[in-house]
Amino acid sequence: MFTGIMQPTHLLILLAVALIFLGPKRLPDAGRALGQGLREFKDSIGHEPPPAPPEVAETAEEETPPGY
């Protein structure tokens, strides 16, 4: 049923090794940092620039001299 690296026993061994190296107090922080990094990576791959905040867009229009 489960083939490859995602077998339940492999995941349990990986979790045990992470718990030994990081300890129970730092493991949630490491998971949170990993999730945030993956989320930022997915956002950057999307090739869609983040929208500018409304305040920045208004000040950019005001600073542009007329005729440009």
PDB file of N, CA and C in Angstrom:
ATOM      1  N   MET A   1       0.820  -1.186   0.000  1.00  0.00           N
ATOM      2  CA  MET A   1       0.000   0.000   0.000  1.00  0.00           C
ATOM      3  C   MET A   1       0.870   1.259   0.000  1.00  0.00           C
ATOM      4  N   PHE A   2       1.732   1.419   1.000  1.00  0.00           N
ATOM      5  CA  PHE A   2       2.633   2.560   1.051  1.00  0.00           C
ATOM      6  C   PHE A   2       3.980   2.143   0.475  1.00  0.00           C
ATOM      7  N   THR A   3       4.411   2.835  -0.551  1.00  0.00           N
ATOM      8  CA  THR A   3       5.713   2.546  -1.138  1.00  0.00           C
ATOM      9  C   THR A   3       6.526   3.832  -1.171  1.00  0.00           C
ATOM     10  N   GLY A   4       7.804   3.680  -1.183  1.00  0.00           N
ATOM     11  CA  GLY A   4       8.684   4.842  -1.256  1.00  0.00           C
ATOM     12  C   GLY A   4       9.063   5.362   0.114  1.00  0.00           C
ATOM     13  N   ILE A   5       9.418   6.628   0.144  1.00  0.00           N
ATOM     14  CA  ILE A   5       9.953   7.236   1.357  1.00  0.00           C
ATOM     15  C   ILE A   5       8.861   7.625   2.359  1.00  0.00           C
ATOM     16  N   MET A   6       7.618   7.708   1.937  1.00  0.00           N
ATOM     17  CA  MET A   6       6.550   8.177   2.815  1.00  0.00           C
ATOM     18  C   MET A   6       5.862   7.048   3.588  1.00  0.00           C
ATOM     19  N   GLN A   7       6.552   6.001   3.884  1.00  0.00           N
ATOM     20  CA  GLN A   7       5.975   4.918   4.672  1.00  0.00           C
ATOM     21  C   GLN A   7       5.832   5.371   6.127  1.00  0.00           C
ATOM     22  N   PRO A   8       4.844   4.872   6.835  1.00  0.00           N
ATOM     23  CA  PRO A   8       4.632   5.296   8.229  1.00  0.00           C
ATOM     24  C   PRO A   8       5.850   5.059   9.122  1.00  0.00           C
ATOM     25  N   THR A   9       6.547   3.946   8.935  1.00  0.00           N
ATOM     26  CA  THR A   9       7.718   3.699   9.786  1.00  0.00           C
ATOM     27  C   THR A   9       8.823   4.705   9.502  1.00  0.00           C
ATOM     28  N   HIS A  10       8.978   5.108   8.243  1.00  0.00           N
ATOM     29  CA  HIS A  10       9.995   6.108   7.918  1.00  0.00           C
ATOM     30  C   HIS A  10       9.652   7.453   8.548  1.00  0.00           C
ATOM     31  N   LEU A  11       8.380   7.793   8.530  1.00  0.00           N
ATOM     32  CA  LEU A  11       7.964   9.060   9.132  1.00  0.00           C
ATOM     33  C   LEU A  11       8.158   9.057  10.646  1.00  0.00           C
ATOM     34  N   LEU A  12       7.896   7.935  11.284  1.00  0.00           N
ATOM     35  CA  LEU A  12       8.112   7.833  12.733  1.00  0.00           C
ATOM     36  C   LEU A  12       9.590   7.940  13.083  1.00  0.00           C
ATOM     37  N   ILE A  13      10.437   7.304  12.305  1.00  0.00           N
ATOM     38  CA  ILE A  13      11.887   7.390  12.541  1.00  0.00           C
ATOM     39  C   ILE A  13      12.364   8.822  12.333  1.00  0.00           C
ATOM     40  N   LEU A  14      11.875   9.486  11.289  1.00  0.00           N
ATOM     41  CA  LEU A  14      12.252  10.869  11.025  1.00  0.00           C
ATOM     42  C   LEU A  14      11.808  11.785  12.163  1.00  0.00           C
ATOM     43  N   LEU A  15      10.612  11.589  12.663  1.00  0.00           N
ATOM     44  CA  LEU A  15      10.112  12.381  13.787  1.00  0.00           C
ATOM     45  C   LEU A  15      10.944  12.133  15.051  1.00  0.00           C
ATOM     46  N   ALA A  16      11.320  10.879  15.296  1.00  0.00           N
ATOM     47  CA  ALA A  16      12.136  10.556  16.470  1.00  0.00           C
ATOM     48  C   ALA A  16      13.512  11.217  16.375  1.00  0.00           C
ATOM     49  N   VAL A  17      14.121  11.195  15.200  1.00  0.00           N
ATOM     50  CA  VAL A  17      15.437  11.826  15.023  1.00  0.00           C
ATOM     51  C   VAL A  17      15.324  13.335  15.219  1.00  0.00           C
ATOM     52  N   ALA A  18      14.275  13.958  14.657  1.00  0.00           N
ATOM     53  CA  ALA A  18      14.077  15.398  14.834  1.00  0.00           C
ATOM     54  C   ALA A  18      13.856  15.736  16.304  1.00  0.00           C
ATOM     55  N   LEU A  19      13.131  14.898  17.015  1.00  0.00           N
ATOM     56  CA  LEU A  19      12.889  15.132  18.435  1.00  0.00           C
ATOM     57  C   LEU A  19      14.174  15.018  19.244  1.00  0.00           C
ATOM     58  N   ILE A  20      15.033  14.075  18.874  1.00  0.00           N
ATOM     59  CA  ILE A  20      16.310  13.906  19.585  1.00  0.00           C
ATOM     60  C   ILE A  20      17.219  15.107  19.345  1.00  0.00           C
ATOM     61  N   PHE A  21      17.312  15.563  18.080  1.00  0.00           N
ATOM     62  CA  PHE A  21      18.229  16.660  17.764  1.00  0.00           C
ATOM     63  C   PHE A  21      17.711  18.021  18.226  1.00  0.00           C
ATOM     64  N   LEU A  22      16.423  18.274  18.089  1.00  0.00           N
ATOM     65  CA  LEU A  22      15.888  19.590  18.421  1.00  0.00           C
ATOM     66  C   LEU A  22      15.354  19.684  19.837  1.00  0.00           C
ATOM     67  N   GLY A  23      14.862  18.605  20.348  1.00  0.00           N
ATOM     68  CA  GLY A  23      14.276  18.629  21.680  1.00  0.00           C
ATOM     69  C   GLY A  23      12.813  19.022  21.614  1.00  0.00           C
ATOM     70  N   PRO A  24      12.066  18.721  22.656  1.00  0.00           N
ATOM     71  CA  PRO A  24      10.622  18.983  22.629  1.00  0.00           C
ATOM     72  C   PRO A  24      10.252  20.470  22.651  1.00  0.00           C
ATOM     73  N   LYS A  25      11.135  21.325  23.135  1.00  0.00           N
ATOM     74  CA  LYS A  25      10.809  22.743  23.203  1.00  0.00           C
ATOM     75  C   LYS A  25      11.039  23.454  21.871  1.00  0.00           C
ATOM     76  N   ARG A  26      12.052  23.046  21.108  1.00  0.00           N
ATOM     77  CA  ARG A  26      12.362  23.728  19.855  1.00  0.00           C
ATOM     78  C   ARG A  26      11.698  23.092  18.643  1.00  0.00           C
ATOM     79  N   LEU A  27      11.117  21.924  18.769  1.00  0.00           N
ATOM     80  CA  LEU A  27      10.494  21.235  17.635  1.00  0.00           C
ATOM     81  C   LEU A  27       9.303  22.017  17.057  1.00  0.00           C
ATOM     82  N   PRO A  28       8.393  22.574  17.868  1.00  0.00           N
ATOM     83  CA  PRO A  28       7.292  23.358  17.276  1.00  0.00           C
ATOM     84  C   PRO A  28       7.786  24.607  16.540  1.00  0.00           C
ATOM     85  N   ASP A  29       8.812  25.263  17.079  1.00  0.00           N
ATOM     86  CA  ASP A  29       9.363  26.445  16.415  1.00  0.00           C
ATOM     87  C   ASP A  29       9.998  26.069  15.082  1.00  0.00           C
ATOM     88  N   ALA A  30      10.681  24.942  15.036  1.00  0.00           N
ATOM     89  CA  ALA A  30      11.295  24.487  13.788  1.00  0.00           C
ATOM     90  C   ALA A  30      10.225  24.150  12.748  1.00  0.00           C
ATOM     91  N   GLY A  31       9.153  23.522  13.165  1.00  0.00           N
ATOM     92  CA  GLY A  31       8.054  23.214  12.253  1.00  0.00           C
ATOM     93  C   GLY A  31       7.381  24.467  11.734  1.00  0.00           C
ATOM     94  N   ARG A  32       7.202  25.439  12.613  1.00  0.00           N
ATOM     95  CA  ARG A  32       6.592  26.707  12.215  1.00  0.00           C
ATOM     96  C   ARG A  32       7.478  27.440  11.210  1.00  0.00           C
ATOM     97  N   ALA A  33       8.785  27.465  11.454  1.00  0.00           N
ATOM     98  CA  ALA A  33       9.715  28.125  10.545  1.00  0.00           C
ATOM     99  C   ALA A  33       9.750  27.418   9.197  1.00  0.00           C
ATOM    100  N   LEU A  34       9.695  26.098   9.218  1.00  0.00           N
ATOM    101  CA  LEU A  34       9.680  25.335   7.972  1.00  0.00           C
ATOM    102  C   LEU A  34       8.410  25.627   7.178  1.00  0.00           C
ATOM    103  N   GLY A  35       7.278  25.674   7.843  1.00  0.00           N
ATOM    104  CA  GLY A  35       6.023  25.977   7.168  1.00  0.00           C
ATOM    105  C   GLY A  35       6.000  27.375   6.586  1.00  0.00           C
ATOM    106  N   GLN A  36       6.531  28.339   7.326  1.00  0.00           N
ATOM    107  CA  GLN A  36       6.570  29.710   6.842  1.00  0.00           C
ATOM    108  C   GLN A  36       7.505  29.821   5.632  1.00  0.00           C
ATOM    109  N   GLY A  37       8.624  29.128   5.667  1.00  0.00           N
ATOM    110  CA  GLY A  37       9.544  29.143   4.530  1.00  0.00           C
ATOM    111  C   GLY A  37       8.927  28.527   3.289  1.00  0.00           C
ATOM    112  N   LEU A  38       8.217  27.427   3.459  1.00  0.00           N
ATOM    113  CA  LEU A  38       7.541  26.800   2.316  1.00  0.00           C
ATOM    114  C   LEU A  38       6.450  27.705   1.750  1.00  0.00           C
ATOM    115  N   ARG A  39       5.720  28.386   2.631  1.00  0.00           N
ATOM    116  CA  ARG A  39       4.672  29.291   2.179  1.00  0.00           C
ATOM    117  C   ARG A  39       5.264  30.446   1.377  1.00  0.00           C
ATOM    118  N   GLU A  40       6.373  31.030   1.848  1.00  0.00           N
ATOM    119  CA  GLU A  40       7.022  32.118   1.128  1.00  0.00           C
ATOM    120  C   GLU A  40       7.582  31.632  -0.208  1.00  0.00           C
ATOM    121  N   PHE A  41       8.102  30.407  -0.229  1.00  0.00           N
ATOM    122  CA  PHE A  41       8.636  29.850  -1.464  1.00  0.00           C
ATOM    123  C   PHE A  41       7.524  29.672  -2.488  1.00  0.00           C
ATOM    124  N   LYS A  42       6.378  29.140  -2.054  1.00  0.00           N
ATOM    125  CA  LYS A  42       5.247  28.964  -2.973  1.00  0.00           C
ATOM    126  C   LYS A  42       4.753  30.309  -3.500  1.00  0.00           C
ATOM    127  N   ASP A  43       4.734  31.323  -2.649  1.00  0.00           N
ATOM    128  CA  ASP A  43       4.298  32.645  -3.086  1.00  0.00           C
ATOM    129  C   ASP A  43       5.262  33.230  -4.110  1.00  0.00           C
ATOM    130  N   SER A  44       6.543  33.011  -3.930  1.00  0.00           N
ATOM    131  CA  SER A  44       7.524  33.563  -4.873  1.00  0.00           C
ATOM    132  C   SER A  44       7.503  32.815  -6.200  1.00  0.00           C
ATOM    133  N   ILE A  45       7.142  31.553  -6.195  1.00  0.00           N
ATOM    134  CA  ILE A  45       7.061  30.773  -7.430  1.00  0.00           C
ATOM    135  C   ILE A  45       5.850  31.199  -8.254  1.00  0.00           C
ATOM    136  N   GLY A  46       4.822  31.717  -7.621  1.00  0.00           N
ATOM    137  CA  GLY A  46       3.589  32.100  -8.297  1.00  0.00           C
ATOM    138  C   GLY A  46       3.787  33.196  -9.340  1.00  0.00           C
ATOM    139  N   HIS A  47       4.911  33.886  -9.377  1.00  0.00           N
ATOM    140  CA  HIS A  47       5.232  34.937 -10.338  1.00  0.00           C
ATOM    141  C   HIS A  47       4.227  36.081 -10.304  1.00  0.00           C
ATOM    142  N   GLU A  48       3.544  36.236  -9.238  1.00  0.00           N
ATOM    143  CA  GLU A  48       2.585  37.318  -9.106  1.00  0.00           C
ATOM    144  C   GLU A  48       3.123  38.272  -8.046  1.00  0.00           C
ATOM    145  N   PRO A  49       3.476  39.492  -8.425  1.00  0.00           N
ATOM    146  CA  PRO A  49       4.020  40.412  -7.417  1.00  0.00           C
ATOM    147  C   PRO A  49       2.956  40.760  -6.388  1.00  0.00           C
ATOM    148  N   PRO A  50       3.368  40.920  -5.148  1.00  0.00           N
ATOM    149  CA  PRO A  50       2.386  41.254  -4.110  1.00  0.00           C
ATOM    150  C   PRO A  50       1.812  42.642  -4.375  1.00  0.00           C
ATOM    151  N   PRO A  51       0.540  42.843  -4.085  1.00  0.00           N
ATOM    152  CA  PRO A  51      -0.062  44.165  -4.324  1.00  0.00           C
ATOM    153  C   PRO A  51       0.535  45.199  -3.383  1.00  0.00           C
ATOM    154  N   ALA A  52       0.694  46.413  -3.907  1.00  0.00           N
ATOM    155  CA  ALA A  52       1.249  47.491  -3.096  1.00  0.00           C
ATOM    156  C   ALA A  52       0.191  47.958  -2.110  1.00  0.00           C
ATOM    157  N   PRO A  53       0.602  48.299  -0.904  1.00  0.00           N
ATOM    158  CA  PRO A  53      -0.362  48.839   0.053  1.00  0.00           C
ATOM    159  C   PRO A  53      -0.970  50.129  -0.497  1.00  0.00           C
ATOM    160  N   PRO A  54      -2.221  50.434  -0.191  1.00  0.00           N
ATOM    161  CA  PRO A  54      -2.879  51.622  -0.749  1.00  0.00           C
ATOM    162  C   PRO A  54      -2.152  52.920  -0.418  1.00  0.00           C
ATOM    163  N   GLU A  55      -1.547  53.011   0.756  1.00  0.00           N
ATOM    164  CA  GLU A  55      -0.844  54.234   1.134  1.00  0.00           C
ATOM    165  C   GLU A  55       0.350  54.480   0.229  1.00  0.00           C
ATOM    166  N   VAL A  56       1.089  53.418  -0.118  1.00  0.00           N
ATOM    167  CA  VAL A  56       2.270  53.566  -0.962  1.00  0.00           C
ATOM    168  C   VAL A  56       1.859  53.946  -2.373  1.00  0.00           C
ATOM    169  N   ALA A  57       0.796  53.365  -2.888  1.00  0.00           N
ATOM    170  CA  ALA A  57       0.336  53.667  -4.242  1.00  0.00           C
ATOM    171  C   ALA A  57      -0.098  55.124  -4.352  1.00  0.00           C
ATOM    172  N   GLU A  58      -0.773  55.663  -3.335  1.00  0.00           N
ATOM    173  CA  GLU A  58      -1.216  57.055  -3.370  1.00  0.00           C
ATOM    174  C   GLU A  58      -0.035  58.010  -3.327  1.00  0.00           C
ATOM    175  N   THR A  59       0.962  57.740  -2.490  1.00  0.00           N
ATOM    176  CA  THR A  59       2.105  58.636  -2.389  1.00  0.00           C
ATOM    177  C   THR A  59       2.952  58.565  -3.644  1.00  0.00           C
ATOM    178  N   ALA A  60       3.001  57.423  -4.320  1.00  0.00           N
ATOM    179  CA  ALA A  60       3.774  57.307  -5.555  1.00  0.00           C
ATOM    180  C   ALA A  60       3.136  58.154  -6.643  1.00  0.00           C
ATOM    181  N   GLU A  61       1.803  58.224  -6.702  1.00  0.00           N
ATOM    182  CA  GLU A  61       1.124  59.043  -7.702  1.00  0.00           C
ATOM    183  C   GLU A  61       1.325  60.529  -7.409  1.00  0.00           C
ATOM    184  N   GLU A  62       1.336  60.888  -6.142  1.00  0.00           N
ATOM    185  CA  GLU A  62       1.505  62.292  -5.776  1.00  0.00           C
ATOM    186  C   GLU A  62       2.909  62.788  -6.072  1.00  0.00           C
ATOM    187  N   GLU A  63       3.922  61.946  -5.941  1.00  0.00           N
ATOM    188  CA  GLU A  63       5.300  62.347  -6.130  1.00  0.00           C
ATOM    189  C   GLU A  63       5.690  62.421  -7.603  1.00  0.00           C
ATOM    190  N   THR A  64       4.926  61.811  -8.489  1.00  0.00           N
ATOM    191  CA  THR A  64       5.256  61.823  -9.908  1.00  0.00           C
ATOM    192  C   THR A  64       4.923  63.192 -10.483  1.00  0.00           C
ATOM    193  N   PRO A  65       5.922  63.869 -11.086  1.00  0.00           N
ATOM    194  CA  PRO A  65       5.654  65.197 -11.639  1.00  0.00           C
ATOM    195  C   PRO A  65       4.731  65.095 -12.861  1.00  0.00           C
ATOM    196  N   PRO A  66       3.938  66.119 -13.120  1.00  0.00           N
ATOM    197  CA  PRO A  66       3.028  66.067 -14.267  1.00  0.00           C
ATOM    198  C   PRO A  66       3.813  66.028 -15.568  1.00  0.00           C
ATOM    199  N   GLY A  67       3.244  65.357 -16.536  1.00  0.00           N
ATOM    200  CA  GLY A  67       3.895  65.240 -17.839  1.00  0.00           C
ATOM    201  C   GLY A  67       4.614  63.924 -18.028  1.00  0.00           C
ATOM    202  N   TYR A  68       4.688  63.082 -17.032  1.00  0.00           N
ATOM    203  CA  TYR A  68       5.353  61.781 -17.182  1.00  0.00           C
ATOM    204  C   TYR A  68       4.383  60.696 -17.381  1.00  0.00           C
TER     205      TYR A  68
END
